[in-house]
Every structure is written in C-alpha cells, then in structure tokens.
Amino acid sequence: MFHTILVVDDDAKHRALIAAYLQKHDYEIIFAANSLDIQKQRQRYICHLIILDINMAGEDGLSICKRLRDEGDNTPILFLSANNETVDKVLGLEYGADDYMSKPFDPRELLARIRSLLRRIPEARTDAYDGIAARYQFGDYVLDGQTRSLSYKNNPVTISSEEYALLITLINALGKPLSRTQLAHQISTKELESNSDCRFIDTMVSRLRKRLEPEPNIPQYLLTIRGVGYAFTTQITQSSSL
C-alpha cells in the first residue's frame, strides 16, 4: 500500500532531512510548517500518518494534536521533540499521540516506528487491491468489489483492471482530491512505468468519463481539481456484495 506522510516542523532543514530519508523507502512526503499549512495539506491529500514536532513557534505540537483529536481526526501521530522531558511524553500521549521520539534520533528507528504505526491502519479506505467485497452505487451505476466489475442499470460496462483500480481509489477517497502521483502508486501498469509524469492517469480518467458521464466535458462524478489532480464527488450508497 502507498502511504503519504505529513511532516510538521517549523525547521525547513529538519523537514528536508526526514523527507530525504523516508522517500528512499517509497513514502510520499508532504510538508507543513504550522497549523495553517496542516489544514491546507490535508485538504489536498489523504494523509496516513503525521510526524509532528512539539516545539514550534505559534501553535505548538501538543496543542495541534489535542485539537485534531477533539475534531475526531484519528490519523496516527508520531511526536518529535528536542526535549527529553517526561512531561512532554506524558502530555503527548494523553492528548492522543500514538508514539514519541526524542531528537536526535536514529532514522532507522524512526522508520521502524512509522512502519509499526502504519500496520495498524485499516487498508480498506485507500487500497484498491484489498479484495473488500463491497458494492458502491452512484446514480444508475454499481461498482462491485467482489467481481471487480461495473454495471449500468444492471447492464455490464466494459472496464479494464487499471480503470477499476483508479475508480475505486477515487471512490474510497470520496470528495478528497488525489494527485496523479498518488493515483499512479495504486495502479501497476507498463504504461505508468514508462510515463514518469503520470500523464497516463489523465488518459484513464478521460476513458472513465466517456463511460460514466452523460456529458464527459461537464463531468458530474470525476472532477478535475486544478493544481492537484482528481476527485470523485457524488452521493454513494455502499453495501456488502456477499
């Protein structure tokens, strides 16, 4: 499964060091320097884990963590702090953090802790290949997770495995825009491997629009989000296909 990690630290050099190491291990890294940046990034991306520095100017990490938890956000949070103070650790865990590390730290330990936290996340929300037997109905269309098929008014609609993966990934992220890079990591095709800029995603979206949209040039389901990527936006009914 492809994971996106939000690194929150007001020290740009420290953000860059963490990113450089984690990107070598196939994580997508996005950045925030303060609470406003966090809000902007989380509107643009699905975030699977937050690495949050405690000691920041303005709103500190403890306050940010408490606010996120009060808002019902359960994204795993790993605290980093230059202070090896027990009170910080206790407060961080009481405010809802999932783990805590003191600076300086061994990047290999950071990686191990990240992997441990991510293993706890249910993958059904974002993994297009998790085998979940669910049915998604939107308008007169039904996407069946068990048979990996699409139908319109009970008539089958031809769809490739890559298009299915793209569509269910967008549906599972309902309403949230996903970048071409995020979508590409959910799909394994020779075309994507040979198109490093992920523009093949545009081609697949265009194909899906011709199958799904009454007017492909004025899409109702698959929307282009300028400067970000694509989002699926409509009312969906989900049920078990068993």
Protein backbone atom coordinates (compact mmCIF):
# COMPACT_ATOMS: atom_id res chain seq x y z
CA MET A 1 0.00 0.00 0.00
CA PHE A 2 1.20 3.51 -0.84
CA HIS A 3 1.37 5.87 2.13
CA THR A 4 1.55 9.64 2.43
CA ILE A 5 3.24 11.12 5.50
CA LEU A 6 2.78 14.71 6.64
CA VAL A 7 5.92 16.12 8.28
CA VAL A 8 5.11 19.11 10.51
CA ASP A 9 8.11 21.13 11.68
CA ASP A 10 8.94 24.85 11.51
CA ASP A 11 12.58 23.97 10.77
CA ALA A 12 12.85 23.57 6.98
CA LYS A 13 16.23 21.82 7.21
CA HIS A 14 14.86 19.24 9.62
CA ARG A 15 11.82 18.62 7.39
CA ALA A 16 14.12 18.08 4.41
CA LEU A 17 16.33 15.58 6.28
CA ILE A 18 13.34 13.48 7.32
CA ALA A 19 11.86 13.63 3.83
CA ALA A 20 15.12 12.63 2.11
CA TYR A 21 15.39 9.50 4.25
CA LEU A 22 11.75 8.41 4.08
CA GLN A 23 11.44 9.00 0.32
CA LYS A 24 14.18 6.40 -0.15
CA HIS A 25 11.77 3.93 1.40
CA ASP A 26 8.91 4.77 -1.00
CA TYR A 27 6.86 7.11 1.16
CA GLU A 28 5.33 10.24 -0.30
CA ILE A 29 6.19 13.19 1.95
CA ILE A 30 4.22 16.42 2.25
CA PHE A 31 5.21 19.32 4.49
CA ALA A 32 3.70 21.80 6.92
CA ALA A 33 5.39 24.48 9.00
CA ASN A 34 2.37 25.44 11.10
CA SER A 35 -1.29 24.67 11.76
CA LEU A 36 -2.47 26.64 8.73
CA ASP A 37 -0.21 24.60 6.46
CA ILE A 38 -1.59 21.41 8.03
CA GLN A 39 -5.12 22.40 7.12
CA LYS A 40 -4.17 23.21 3.53
CA GLN A 41 -2.24 19.98 3.01
CA ARG A 42 -4.96 17.80 4.49
CA GLN A 43 -7.50 19.37 2.16
CA ARG A 44 -5.34 18.40 -0.80
CA TYR A 45 -4.04 14.97 0.20
CA ILE A 46 -5.04 11.83 2.01
CA CYS A 47 -2.62 11.65 4.91
CA HIS A 48 -1.87 8.30 6.53
CA LEU A 49 0.47 9.48 9.30
CA ILE A 50 1.62 12.77 10.84
CA ILE A 51 5.13 13.36 12.16
CA LEU A 52 4.61 16.32 14.46
CA ASP A 53 7.30 18.40 16.16
CA ILE A 54 6.27 19.58 19.61
CA ASN A 55 8.39 22.71 19.90
CA MET A 56 7.16 25.03 17.17
CA ALA A 57 6.58 28.77 17.09
CA GLY A 58 2.94 29.78 17.34
CA GLU A 59 0.65 26.82 17.99
CA ASP A 60 2.84 24.02 19.32
CA GLY A 61 2.56 20.34 18.52
CA LEU A 62 0.74 19.42 21.73
CA SER A 63 -2.00 21.95 21.01
CA ILE A 64 -2.28 20.84 17.38
CA CYS A 65 -2.57 17.20 18.41
CA LYS A 66 -5.26 17.93 21.00
CA ARG A 67 -7.24 19.99 18.51
CA LEU A 68 -7.09 17.28 15.83
CA ARG A 69 -8.29 14.65 18.28
CA ASP A 70 -11.08 16.91 19.55
CA GLU A 71 -12.19 17.28 15.92
CA GLY A 72 -12.41 13.49 15.62
CA ASP A 73 -9.28 13.09 13.49
CA ASN A 74 -7.71 9.70 14.24
CA THR A 75 -4.73 9.89 11.88
CA PRO A 76 -1.72 8.31 13.66
CA ILE A 77 0.57 10.98 15.15
CA LEU A 78 4.24 10.48 15.95
CA PHE A 79 5.67 13.25 18.14
CA LEU A 80 9.23 14.50 17.83
CA SER A 81 10.79 16.69 20.49
CA ALA A 82 14.22 18.15 21.26
CA ASN A 83 13.29 18.00 24.94
CA ASN A 84 13.71 14.61 26.53
CA GLU A 85 11.18 15.55 29.18
CA THR A 86 8.84 13.02 30.73
CA VAL A 87 6.12 15.66 30.99
CA ASP A 88 6.18 16.14 27.19
CA LYS A 89 5.87 12.42 26.61
CA VAL A 90 3.02 12.05 29.10
CA LEU A 91 1.13 15.06 27.76
CA GLY A 92 1.64 13.97 24.18
CA LEU A 93 0.18 10.53 24.84
CA GLU A 94 -2.64 11.98 26.92
CA TYR A 95 -3.52 14.37 24.09
CA GLY A 96 -3.83 11.44 21.70
CA ALA A 97 -0.40 10.92 20.13
CA ASP A 98 0.43 7.34 19.12
CA ASP A 99 4.19 7.44 19.64
CA TYR A 100 7.00 9.74 20.76
CA MET A 101 10.68 10.13 19.85
CA SER A 102 13.33 12.47 21.21
CA LYS A 103 15.78 14.36 19.00
CA PRO A 104 18.36 13.46 17.91
CA PHE A 105 17.21 10.04 16.78
CA ASP A 106 18.40 7.20 14.59
CA PRO A 107 16.48 7.43 11.28
CA ARG A 108 16.28 3.64 11.20
CA GLU A 109 14.33 3.70 14.46
CA LEU A 110 12.05 6.40 13.04
CA LEU A 111 11.38 4.17 10.02
CA ALA A 112 10.65 1.17 12.24
CA ARG A 113 8.18 3.14 14.34
CA ILE A 114 6.45 4.53 11.24
CA ARG A 115 6.05 1.04 9.82
CA SER A 116 4.64 -0.18 13.13
CA LEU A 117 2.07 2.62 13.24
CA LEU A 118 1.03 2.18 9.62
CA ARG A 119 0.45 -1.54 10.09
CA ARG A 120 -2.38 -0.64 12.46
CA ILE A 121 -4.30 1.35 9.83
CA PRO A 122 -7.23 -0.43 8.16
CA GLU A 123 -6.35 -0.52 4.48
CA ALA A 124 -9.88 -0.76 3.07
CA ARG A 125 -10.16 3.02 2.81
CA THR A 126 -7.45 3.56 0.22
CA ASP A 127 -6.11 0.29 -1.14
CA ALA A 128 -7.67 -0.54 -4.47
CA TYR A 129 -6.46 -4.15 -4.29
CA ASP A 130 -7.59 -5.15 -0.81
CA GLY A 131 -10.25 -7.55 -2.04
CA ILE A 132 -13.04 -5.98 0.00
CA ALA A 133 -16.37 -7.35 -1.20
CA ALA A 134 -18.34 -4.11 -1.28
CA ARG A 135 -20.80 -2.62 -3.73
CA TYR A 136 -20.83 1.10 -4.47
CA GLN A 137 -23.89 2.58 -6.12
CA PHE A 138 -23.90 6.07 -7.63
CA GLY A 139 -26.73 7.12 -9.91
CA ASP A 140 -27.62 4.11 -12.07
CA TYR A 141 -24.10 2.66 -11.78
CA VAL A 142 -22.91 -0.13 -9.47
CA LEU A 143 -19.23 -0.88 -8.86
CA ASP A 144 -18.88 -4.39 -7.42
CA GLY A 145 -15.80 -5.01 -5.30
CA GLN A 146 -16.21 -8.77 -5.34
CA THR A 147 -16.41 -9.22 -9.10
CA ARG A 148 -14.37 -6.06 -9.81
CA SER A 149 -16.98 -5.03 -12.35
CA LEU A 150 -19.06 -2.01 -13.29
CA SER A 151 -22.68 -2.06 -14.43
CA TYR A 152 -25.23 0.49 -15.60
CA LYS A 153 -28.90 -0.31 -14.99
CA ASN A 154 -27.82 -3.95 -14.49
CA ASN A 155 -26.01 -3.99 -17.84
CA PRO A 156 -22.25 -4.64 -17.76
CA VAL A 157 -19.91 -1.78 -18.62
CA THR A 158 -16.52 -2.69 -20.06
CA ILE A 159 -13.76 -1.53 -17.74
CA SER A 160 -10.09 -2.53 -17.51
CA SER A 161 -8.44 -3.64 -14.26
CA GLU A 162 -6.43 -0.40 -14.21
CA GLU A 163 -9.56 1.71 -14.69
CA TYR A 164 -11.29 -0.26 -11.92
CA ALA A 165 -8.33 0.41 -9.59
CA LEU A 166 -8.37 4.11 -10.44
CA LEU A 167 -12.12 4.40 -9.94
CA ILE A 168 -12.31 2.56 -6.62
CA THR A 169 -9.32 4.50 -5.30
CA LEU A 170 -11.11 7.77 -6.02
CA ILE A 171 -14.38 6.45 -4.59
CA ASN A 172 -12.69 5.35 -1.37
CA ALA A 173 -11.26 8.85 -1.03
CA LEU A 174 -14.71 10.32 -1.66
CA GLY A 175 -14.60 14.09 -2.01
CA LYS A 176 -10.86 14.37 -1.40
CA PRO A 177 -8.62 15.29 -4.34
CA LEU A 178 -5.81 12.85 -5.15
CA SER A 179 -2.72 13.79 -7.11
CA ARG A 180 -1.65 11.87 -10.21
CA THR A 181 1.31 10.52 -8.24
CA GLN A 182 -0.98 9.16 -5.51
CA LEU A 183 -3.22 7.52 -8.09
CA ALA A 184 -0.28 6.08 -10.03
CA HIS A 185 1.03 4.32 -6.92
CA GLN A 186 -2.27 2.45 -6.61
CA ILE A 187 -2.06 1.10 -10.15
CA SER A 188 0.54 -1.18 -11.68
CA THR A 189 0.79 -0.88 -15.45
CA LYS A 190 3.56 -0.81 -18.02
CA GLU A 191 2.15 2.46 -19.30
CA LEU A 192 2.57 4.10 -15.91
CA GLU A 193 6.07 2.73 -15.52
CA SER A 194 7.06 4.37 -18.80
CA ASN A 195 5.29 7.68 -18.03
CA SER A 196 7.15 9.20 -15.10
CA ASP A 197 4.97 12.31 -15.14
CA CYS A 198 1.89 10.07 -14.60
CA ARG A 199 0.03 11.69 -17.51
CA PHE A 200 -1.37 8.27 -18.37
CA ILE A 201 -3.70 8.88 -15.42
CA ASP A 202 -5.28 11.66 -17.49
CA THR A 203 -5.95 9.19 -20.30
CA MET A 204 -7.64 6.73 -17.95
CA VAL A 205 -9.77 9.46 -16.40
CA SER A 206 -10.82 10.50 -19.90
CA ARG A 207 -11.82 6.90 -20.71
CA LEU A 208 -13.81 6.59 -17.49
CA ARG A 209 -15.61 9.84 -18.16
CA LYS A 210 -16.75 8.54 -21.54
CA ARG A 211 -18.23 5.51 -19.79
CA LEU A 212 -19.70 7.26 -16.74
CA GLU A 213 -20.55 10.82 -17.59
CA PRO A 214 -23.67 11.88 -19.54
CA GLU A 215 -21.57 14.80 -20.77
CA PRO A 216 -17.85 13.94 -20.48
CA ASN A 217 -16.85 17.58 -20.97
CA ILE A 218 -19.02 18.58 -17.99
CA PRO A 219 -18.26 15.76 -15.53
CA GLN A 220 -20.52 15.07 -12.56
CA TYR A 221 -18.50 12.26 -10.98
CA LEU A 222 -14.82 12.56 -11.88
CA LEU A 223 -13.81 16.15 -11.28
CA THR A 224 -10.52 17.80 -12.16
CA ILE A 225 -9.14 19.76 -9.21
CA ARG A 226 -6.88 22.43 -10.67
CA GLY A 227 -3.32 22.22 -9.40
CA VAL A 228 -3.98 18.98 -7.51
CA GLY A 229 -5.41 16.10 -9.54
CA TYR A 230 -8.80 14.40 -9.48
CA ALA A 231 -11.66 13.75 -7.07
CA PHE A 232 -14.78 11.61 -7.14
CA THR A 233 -17.74 13.59 -5.84
CA THR A 234 -21.32 12.38 -5.69
CA GLN A 235 -23.61 10.57 -3.29
CA ILE A 236 -22.64 6.92 -2.91
CA THR A 237 -24.51 4.01 -1.33
CA GLN A 238 -22.20 1.29 -0.03
CA SER A 239 -23.30 -2.24 0.82
CA SER A 240 -21.89 -5.75 1.09
CA SER A 241 -21.83 -7.76 -2.11
CA LEU A 242 -21.94 -11.03 -0.22
